[in-house]
Amino acid sequence: MGPPKSGRSAVGKGAATIMCIRVLLVAAGCALALGPARADGRNPALDAPDRFNWTLFARINAPAPDGRNRLWETWADNPATFPASPSKTQKPVFPVHAPPRNLEPVNQQVIRAGILKRQGIAVSPNGAQEVRRNKAAFDFIVSHDLYYQEGVIAAIKARKPLDFPPDAIELKAAWKPVAQIAPDKRGRYYINWAADGGEYALIGLHLVSKALPNWTWATFEQADNPGRCDVIGCHDAFGDMDADTPPNAQPNRGYPECRHSPELRLLLKRAGLTEPYWAYYCLKGSQVDFADRGGWATRLGNSELEGRFIRTASCMSCHARSAFDAALHSAYKGGFNRDGTGPLGYPDPSAYFAVKPPLDFAQPAPSYRYLPMDFSWSFSRARKLAAQ
């Protein structure tokens, strides 16, 4: 990775004091205290999810101590969490320095292309992805020996669903090469380097936290993404002066820039996010339940990460299907239905239990066939122990 360029990923001088405070409060990988802490017992993650997710966005994008990254970029990625040759005696260690950015094709698009096995379903040409997790999530995986296949299988055979700690945070970031952006537009993006030596611009960010038992779910997009509000619209009751942006009749036509509210501008400023490019990042939406109060399935997806199946995208419903049997097989490939659509609404219990419907919920729960993995698909990354 090359040296940071002015006005891009470097930490601004004006943020130095804030950065020092961040080092003390959230030290490089940190547990961010975002769960229920109010005296009246109300949970801001549930009562005001858009405000909560913007607060989380601001905190994880605070300047990192290394002066060239944001805090989340110093967290463990999938290769650091799930080694290619894992060992029981040499467990993964949370990184001291920011791991090299190893980008890979957008996973769900690759899986869907494999399911449909036909032309026209391709990985987005606009970028690549990476997955990162904070120390709380990383420590849970490592301390429970879930970083290698044999450990995951042992947990499945124990038939006790996984449960990450409340301060766990995971995210998926989408990037595209800076060369694909017009020179006069590059100042509207957060830009950093990848392991291949190239410069990449951040175009999307899925952000989830265990502040709620079924996690909180949010996705952010860069304002210039042409399909940003396509199909399902954009919804932000806290940070956007236009709380609801309806979708265009035709896709990929672009949308007006999101207009940050005074409250959001103040929040970002206090977090040290004073660079002008932060004004061009928008909250696409938040999700805290599988359905609304009327029973209608909620939807959430990113135009760059979910792409062509945004119509049936639901972060919660897809990740709820993360469940494996003792052979590490899942009832669903990547969470998709057999026709390549995504699941919507509440999960089907028959996807977990060793019985066929109809289920008698008046009886005790039957044994698991596929063990729920607490909404995390990342355990499919675990590899067999290396020969000792």
Protein backbone atom coordinates (compact mmCIF):
# COMPACT_ATOMS: atom_id res chain seq x y z
CA MET A 1 0.00 0.00 0.00
CA GLY A 2 1.34 3.38 -0.93
CA PRO A 3 1.44 6.47 1.29
CA PRO A 4 -1.84 8.27 1.88
CA LYS A 5 -2.65 11.17 -0.40
CA SER A 6 -3.82 14.50 0.85
CA GLY A 7 -7.58 14.75 1.23
CA ARG A 8 -8.12 11.02 0.91
CA SER A 9 -7.51 8.33 3.52
CA ALA A 10 -5.11 10.36 5.62
CA VAL A 11 -6.26 11.60 9.01
CA GLY A 12 -6.84 15.33 8.99
CA LYS A 13 -4.93 17.47 11.47
CA GLY A 14 -8.17 18.82 12.83
CA ALA A 15 -9.10 15.33 13.98
CA ALA A 16 -5.93 14.76 16.02
CA THR A 17 -7.52 15.43 19.39
CA ILE A 18 -10.55 13.33 18.58
CA MET A 19 -8.26 10.55 17.36
CA CYS A 20 -6.42 10.49 20.69
CA ILE A 21 -9.71 10.15 22.53
CA ARG A 22 -10.74 7.35 20.16
CA VAL A 23 -7.49 5.49 20.90
CA LEU A 24 -8.30 5.53 24.60
CA LEU A 25 -11.95 4.61 24.19
CA VAL A 26 -11.94 2.09 21.39
CA ALA A 27 -8.29 1.05 21.08
CA ALA A 28 -7.67 -0.69 17.81
CA GLY A 29 -10.43 -3.14 17.55
CA CYS A 30 -12.62 -2.42 20.27
CA ALA A 31 -15.93 -3.00 21.73
CA LEU A 32 -18.15 -0.07 20.90
CA ALA A 33 -20.75 0.34 23.62
CA LEU A 34 -23.83 0.87 21.50
CA GLY A 35 -26.31 -1.46 23.15
CA PRO A 36 -29.10 -0.60 25.57
CA ALA A 37 -27.65 1.76 28.14
CA ARG A 38 -30.51 4.13 28.89
CA ALA A 39 -31.90 4.37 32.39
CA ASP A 40 -35.48 4.12 31.08
CA GLY A 41 -34.71 0.73 29.53
CA ARG A 42 -35.35 1.85 25.95
CA ASN A 43 -33.00 0.52 23.29
CA PRO A 44 -31.90 3.13 20.73
CA ALA A 45 -31.04 0.35 18.25
CA LEU A 46 -34.72 -0.61 18.21
CA ASP A 47 -36.42 2.73 18.85
CA ALA A 48 -34.31 4.89 16.49
CA PRO A 49 -32.42 2.51 14.19
CA ASP A 50 -31.41 5.13 11.61
CA ARG A 51 -29.85 7.36 14.26
CA PHE A 52 -28.23 4.30 15.85
CA ASN A 53 -26.71 3.15 12.56
CA TRP A 54 -25.36 6.57 11.70
CA THR A 55 -23.79 6.73 15.17
CA LEU A 56 -22.19 3.36 14.54
CA PHE A 57 -21.05 4.50 11.08
CA ALA A 58 -19.41 7.58 12.59
CA ARG A 59 -17.63 5.61 15.30
CA ILE A 60 -16.18 2.90 13.09
CA ASN A 61 -15.04 5.46 10.53
CA ALA A 62 -13.16 7.46 13.14
CA PRO A 63 -9.47 7.91 12.28
CA ALA A 64 -7.39 4.86 13.17
CA PRO A 65 -4.23 5.28 15.27
CA ASP A 66 -2.04 4.48 12.23
CA GLY A 67 -3.04 7.77 10.59
CA ARG A 68 -3.83 6.19 7.22
CA ASN A 69 -6.96 4.10 7.78
CA ARG A 70 -10.33 4.27 9.43
CA LEU A 71 -10.91 2.23 12.55
CA TRP A 72 -12.80 -0.60 10.83
CA GLU A 73 -10.00 -1.02 8.29
CA THR A 74 -7.72 -2.18 11.11
CA TRP A 75 -10.09 -4.99 12.10
CA ALA A 76 -9.67 -8.66 11.23
CA ASP A 77 -10.79 -9.71 7.77
CA ASN A 78 -11.84 -13.20 6.73
CA PRO A 79 -8.29 -14.41 5.89
CA ALA A 80 -7.08 -13.28 9.33
CA THR A 81 -10.01 -14.97 11.08
CA PHE A 82 -10.13 -18.20 9.08
CA PRO A 83 -6.53 -19.13 8.18
CA ALA A 84 -5.81 -21.25 5.13
CA SER A 85 -3.84 -23.69 7.35
CA PRO A 86 -5.35 -23.38 10.85
CA SER A 87 -3.65 -24.75 13.95
CA LYS A 88 -4.98 -25.55 17.42
CA THR A 89 -1.75 -24.42 19.06
CA GLN A 90 -1.25 -21.25 17.04
CA LYS A 91 -4.60 -19.55 17.14
CA PRO A 92 -5.37 -16.49 15.02
CA VAL A 93 -4.39 -13.21 16.64
CA PHE A 94 -6.30 -9.98 16.19
CA PRO A 95 -4.17 -7.72 13.97
CA VAL A 96 -1.95 -5.10 15.52
CA HIS A 97 -1.67 -3.30 12.20
CA ALA A 98 -4.25 -2.98 9.44
CA PRO A 99 -4.29 -6.19 7.39
CA PRO A 100 -3.63 -5.75 3.65
CA ARG A 101 -6.87 -5.19 1.80
CA ASN A 102 -7.47 -8.46 -0.04
CA LEU A 103 -10.49 -7.84 -2.23
CA GLU A 104 -12.55 -10.64 -3.72
CA PRO A 105 -15.54 -10.81 -6.12
CA VAL A 106 -18.94 -9.97 -4.65
CA ASN A 107 -19.77 -13.30 -3.01
CA GLN A 108 -23.55 -13.35 -3.28
CA GLN A 109 -23.41 -12.47 -6.97
CA VAL A 110 -21.00 -15.36 -7.61
CA ILE A 111 -23.24 -17.81 -5.70
CA ARG A 112 -26.36 -16.67 -7.54
CA ALA A 113 -24.61 -17.03 -10.89
CA GLY A 114 -23.74 -20.61 -9.95
CA ILE A 115 -27.32 -21.40 -8.93
CA LEU A 116 -28.88 -20.10 -12.12
CA LYS A 117 -26.11 -21.40 -14.41
CA ARG A 118 -26.94 -19.09 -17.25
CA GLN A 119 -25.48 -16.11 -19.01
CA GLY A 120 -26.41 -12.63 -17.89
CA ILE A 121 -25.90 -13.28 -14.18
CA ALA A 122 -22.43 -11.95 -13.61
CA VAL A 123 -20.36 -10.39 -10.89
CA SER A 124 -20.68 -6.62 -10.84
CA PRO A 125 -17.87 -5.05 -12.90
CA ASN A 126 -17.85 -2.02 -10.63
CA GLY A 127 -15.95 -3.37 -7.70
CA ALA A 128 -15.07 -6.01 -5.16
CA GLN A 129 -15.77 -6.76 -1.50
CA GLU A 130 -14.15 -7.48 1.83
CA VAL A 131 -15.54 -8.65 5.19
CA ARG A 132 -14.23 -7.36 8.54
CA ARG A 133 -15.14 -7.90 12.18
CA ASN A 134 -14.22 -6.15 15.42
CA LYS A 135 -12.31 -7.75 18.26
CA ALA A 136 -15.44 -8.85 20.13
CA ALA A 137 -16.66 -10.87 17.12
CA PHE A 138 -13.15 -12.13 16.37
CA ASP A 139 -12.53 -13.24 19.96
CA PHE A 140 -15.83 -15.12 20.06
CA ILE A 141 -14.89 -17.11 16.96
CA VAL A 142 -11.35 -17.88 18.11
CA SER A 143 -12.15 -18.62 21.77
CA HIS A 144 -14.83 -21.13 20.73
CA ASP A 145 -12.51 -22.83 18.20
CA LEU A 146 -14.76 -21.84 15.34
CA TYR A 147 -11.92 -20.73 13.09
CA TYR A 148 -11.33 -24.26 11.76
CA GLN A 149 -13.71 -26.86 10.36
CA GLU A 150 -13.35 -29.43 13.10
CA GLY A 151 -14.25 -26.82 15.71
CA VAL A 152 -17.31 -25.71 13.76
CA ILE A 153 -18.42 -29.33 13.39
CA ALA A 154 -17.98 -29.91 17.14
CA ALA A 155 -20.21 -26.90 17.85
CA ILE A 156 -22.85 -28.20 15.44
CA LYS A 157 -22.81 -31.63 17.06
CA ALA A 158 -23.30 -29.96 20.48
CA ARG A 159 -26.66 -28.69 19.10
CA LYS A 160 -26.47 -25.37 20.89
CA PRO A 161 -27.10 -22.36 18.61
CA LEU A 162 -24.28 -19.84 18.51
CA ASP A 163 -24.70 -16.50 20.25
CA PHE A 164 -22.20 -13.70 19.62
CA PRO A 165 -21.64 -11.13 22.41
CA PRO A 166 -23.67 -7.89 22.35
CA ASP A 167 -20.65 -5.77 21.34
CA ALA A 168 -19.87 -7.82 18.21
CA ILE A 169 -19.79 -5.93 14.91
CA GLU A 170 -19.30 -7.24 11.39
CA LEU A 171 -19.32 -5.42 8.06
CA LYS A 172 -18.97 -5.94 4.34
CA ALA A 173 -17.44 -3.17 2.24
CA ALA A 174 -17.75 -2.74 -1.52
CA TRP A 175 -15.04 -0.95 -3.51
CA LYS A 176 -14.37 -0.06 -7.12
CA PRO A 177 -11.17 1.05 -8.85
CA VAL A 178 -10.59 4.78 -8.75
CA ALA A 179 -9.71 4.63 -12.46
CA GLN A 180 -13.41 3.98 -13.17
CA ILE A 181 -14.41 7.31 -11.60
CA ALA A 182 -14.25 10.59 -13.50
CA PRO A 183 -11.38 12.74 -12.16
CA ASP A 184 -13.72 15.58 -11.21
CA LYS A 185 -15.82 13.17 -9.10
CA ARG A 186 -13.05 11.47 -7.14
CA GLY A 187 -13.17 13.99 -4.30
CA ARG A 188 -16.65 12.64 -3.46
CA TYR A 189 -15.29 9.22 -2.41
CA TYR A 190 -13.32 7.79 0.47
CA ILE A 191 -10.28 6.26 -1.24
CA ASN A 192 -7.64 3.87 0.03
CA TRP A 193 -5.23 1.22 -1.25
CA ALA A 194 -5.57 -2.54 -1.66
CA ALA A 195 -2.99 -5.32 -1.51
CA ASP A 196 -2.69 -5.26 -5.31
CA GLY A 197 -1.28 -1.73 -5.08
CA GLY A 198 -4.33 -0.15 -6.67
CA GLU A 199 -6.46 2.68 -5.40
CA TYR A 200 -10.09 1.87 -4.66
CA ALA A 201 -13.11 3.99 -3.80
CA LEU A 202 -15.63 2.94 -1.16
CA ILE A 203 -19.06 2.58 -2.79
CA GLY A 204 -21.04 0.52 -0.26
CA LEU A 205 -21.01 -0.67 3.33
CA HIS A 206 -23.18 -3.32 4.99
CA LEU A 207 -22.98 -2.79 8.76
CA VAL A 208 -24.36 -5.19 11.40
CA SER A 209 -24.10 -5.24 15.18
CA LYS A 210 -25.31 -7.59 17.92
CA ALA A 211 -26.93 -4.72 19.83
CA LEU A 212 -30.18 -6.65 19.27
CA PRO A 213 -30.56 -10.44 19.61
CA ASN A 214 -31.18 -10.77 15.84
CA TRP A 215 -28.51 -8.13 15.11
CA THR A 216 -29.05 -4.67 13.65
CA TRP A 217 -28.76 -4.30 9.89
CA ALA A 218 -27.90 -1.22 7.84
CA THR A 219 -26.47 -0.51 4.43
CA PHE A 220 -24.81 2.68 3.22
CA GLU A 221 -24.15 3.74 -0.38
CA GLN A 222 -22.10 6.40 -2.08
CA ALA A 223 -24.43 9.04 -3.52
CA ASP A 224 -23.31 8.52 -7.13
CA ASN A 225 -24.22 4.81 -7.28
CA PRO A 226 -26.62 4.82 -10.27
CA GLY A 227 -29.02 2.29 -8.73
CA ARG A 228 -28.83 3.57 -5.16
CA CYS A 229 -32.58 3.75 -4.51
CA ASP A 230 -33.77 1.42 -7.27
CA VAL A 231 -36.72 -0.92 -6.61
CA ILE A 232 -36.98 -0.59 -2.82
CA GLY A 233 -36.24 3.12 -2.41
CA CYS A 234 -34.04 4.77 0.22
CA HIS A 235 -35.23 5.41 3.76
CA ASP A 236 -33.46 7.43 6.45
CA ALA A 237 -35.53 9.17 9.13
CA PHE A 238 -32.49 10.66 10.87
CA GLY A 239 -29.74 11.60 8.45
CA ASP A 240 -31.52 12.62 5.24
CA MET A 241 -33.63 15.74 4.92
CA ASP A 242 -35.69 13.71 2.45
CA ALA A 243 -36.54 10.79 4.70
CA ASP A 244 -37.98 8.65 1.90
CA THR A 245 -36.70 8.62 -1.67
CA PRO A 246 -38.93 6.60 -4.04
CA PRO A 247 -37.34 4.45 -6.74
CA ASN A 248 -37.11 5.63 -10.33
CA ALA A 249 -39.39 3.99 -12.88
CA GLN A 250 -36.29 2.83 -14.79
CA PRO A 251 -33.17 1.41 -13.09
CA ASN A 252 -29.67 2.88 -13.02
CA ARG A 253 -30.74 6.44 -13.74
CA GLY A 254 -29.17 7.92 -10.62
CA TYR A 255 -30.65 9.94 -7.77
CA PRO A 256 -30.21 13.37 -6.22
CA GLU A 257 -27.57 13.59 -3.52
CA CYS A 258 -28.81 12.77 -0.04
CA ARG A 259 -29.06 15.97 1.98
CA HIS A 260 -27.54 15.38 5.40
CA SER A 261 -29.59 16.70 8.26
CA PRO A 262 -28.08 19.23 10.70
CA GLU A 263 -28.10 16.51 13.38
CA LEU A 264 -26.09 14.16 11.17
CA ARG A 265 -23.61 16.85 10.15
CA LEU A 266 -22.99 17.58 13.82
CA LEU A 267 -22.64 13.87 14.60
CA LEU A 268 -20.04 13.37 11.85
CA LYS A 269 -18.14 16.49 12.87
CA ARG A 270 -17.92 15.39 16.50
CA ALA A 271 -16.61 11.99 15.35
CA GLY A 272 -13.82 13.67 13.36
CA LEU A 273 -15.32 12.93 9.96
CA THR A 274 -14.68 16.41 8.60
CA GLU A 275 -13.42 15.52 5.12
CA PRO A 276 -15.82 16.67 2.38
CA TYR A 277 -16.33 13.20 0.91
CA TRP A 278 -18.39 12.05 3.91
CA ALA A 279 -21.19 14.33 2.70
CA TYR A 280 -21.68 11.93 -0.21
CA TYR A 281 -22.42 8.80 1.81
CA CYS A 282 -26.05 7.93 2.39
CA LEU A 283 -27.91 5.49 4.59
CA LYS A 284 -29.95 3.30 2.24
CA GLY A 285 -32.00 1.86 5.10
CA SER A 286 -32.09 0.00 8.41
CA GLN A 287 -33.65 -3.34 9.33
CA VAL A 288 -34.45 -4.58 12.83
CA ASP A 289 -37.13 -7.20 12.16
CA PHE A 290 -38.17 -9.67 9.49
CA ALA A 291 -41.52 -7.96 8.97
CA ASP A 292 -43.26 -4.72 9.88
CA ARG A 293 -46.08 -4.41 12.40
CA GLY A 294 -48.59 -5.30 9.74
CA GLY A 295 -46.81 -8.55 8.99
CA TRP A 296 -45.40 -7.41 5.63
CA ALA A 297 -41.84 -8.62 4.98
CA THR A 298 -39.18 -5.93 5.28
CA ARG A 299 -36.48 -5.57 2.62
CA LEU A 300 -32.97 -4.22 2.66
CA GLY A 301 -30.20 -4.51 0.11
CA ASN A 302 -27.34 -2.60 -1.46
CA SER A 303 -27.49 -1.76 -5.18
CA GLU A 304 -23.82 -2.68 -5.63
CA LEU A 305 -23.64 -5.75 -3.37
CA GLU A 306 -27.07 -7.28 -4.03
CA GLY A 307 -27.36 -5.93 -7.56
CA ARG A 308 -29.91 -7.71 -9.69
CA PHE A 309 -31.80 -9.48 -6.90
CA ILE A 310 -32.49 -6.29 -4.92
CA ARG A 311 -36.23 -6.89 -5.35
CA THR A 312 -36.07 -9.87 -2.98
CA ALA A 313 -33.18 -8.73 -0.80
CA SER A 314 -33.54 -9.00 2.98
CA CYS A 315 -30.35 -8.99 5.04
CA MET A 316 -32.04 -10.58 8.05
CA SER A 317 -33.91 -13.26 6.14
CA CYS A 318 -30.85 -14.31 4.16
CA HIS A 319 -28.51 -14.46 7.15
CA ALA A 320 -31.11 -16.25 9.27
CA ARG A 321 -30.66 -19.16 6.87
CA SER A 322 -27.04 -19.54 7.94
CA ALA A 323 -27.30 -23.02 9.46
CA PHE A 324 -25.18 -26.13 8.87
CA ASP A 325 -25.34 -29.85 9.54
CA ALA A 326 -22.45 -31.97 10.82
CA ALA A 327 -21.12 -32.31 7.28
CA LEU A 328 -21.10 -28.49 6.94
CA HIS A 329 -23.92 -28.63 4.43
CA SER A 330 -26.65 -26.00 4.39
CA ALA A 331 -30.27 -26.32 3.28
CA TYR A 332 -29.71 -23.19 1.19
CA LYS A 333 -26.77 -22.25 -0.97
CA GLY A 334 -25.73 -18.81 0.19
CA GLY A 335 -29.24 -18.24 1.54
CA PHE A 336 -30.85 -18.19 -1.92
CA ASN A 337 -33.98 -19.96 -3.05
CA ARG A 338 -33.56 -22.48 -5.86
CA ASP A 339 -34.76 -19.95 -8.42
CA GLY A 340 -32.05 -17.46 -7.43
CA THR A 341 -34.34 -15.13 -5.51
CA GLY A 342 -33.64 -14.10 -1.95
CA PRO A 343 -35.81 -15.07 1.03
CA LEU A 344 -38.23 -12.57 2.54
CA GLY A 345 -39.96 -12.53 5.91
CA TYR A 346 -39.53 -14.80 8.89
CA PRO A 347 -37.36 -17.92 8.64
CA ASP A 348 -38.97 -21.31 8.13
CA PRO A 349 -38.28 -23.50 11.20
CA SER A 350 -38.27 -26.61 9.03
CA ALA A 351 -35.01 -25.33 7.60
CA TYR A 352 -33.36 -26.03 10.98
CA PHE A 353 -35.17 -28.94 12.60
CA ALA A 354 -35.03 -32.63 11.78
CA VAL A 355 -38.78 -32.87 11.14
CA LYS A 356 -41.03 -31.97 8.25
CA PRO A 357 -43.96 -29.56 8.45
CA PRO A 358 -46.51 -29.10 9.77
CA LEU A 359 -44.74 -28.35 13.03
CA ASP A 360 -46.51 -28.62 16.36
CA PHE A 361 -45.32 -25.56 18.24
CA ALA A 362 -47.15 -26.70 21.37
CA GLN A 363 -44.52 -29.41 21.73
CA PRO A 364 -40.89 -28.95 22.81
CA ALA A 365 -38.57 -28.00 19.99
CA PRO A 366 -37.22 -31.04 18.12
CA SER A 367 -33.52 -31.63 17.58
CA TYR A 368 -31.62 -29.59 15.05
CA ARG A 369 -30.58 -30.93 11.70
CA TYR A 370 -29.05 -27.62 10.64
CA LEU A 371 -27.66 -25.63 13.55
CA PRO A 372 -28.33 -21.85 13.46
CA MET A 373 -24.99 -20.01 13.30
CA ASP A 374 -26.26 -16.67 14.66
CA PHE A 375 -26.78 -15.09 11.24
CA SER A 376 -23.16 -15.52 10.13
CA TRP A 377 -22.31 -17.15 6.81
CA SER A 378 -18.59 -16.64 7.42
CA PHE A 379 -18.18 -20.06 9.04
CA SER A 380 -18.21 -21.56 5.56
CA ARG A 381 -14.72 -20.05 5.33
CA ALA A 382 -13.31 -22.38 7.98
CA ARG A 383 -10.67 -24.84 6.72
CA LYS A 384 -9.50 -28.19 8.04
CA LEU A 385 -6.71 -28.23 10.61
CA ALA A 386 -3.26 -28.34 9.12
CA ALA A 387 -1.20 -31.48 9.74
CA GLN A 388 0.64 -31.11 13.04
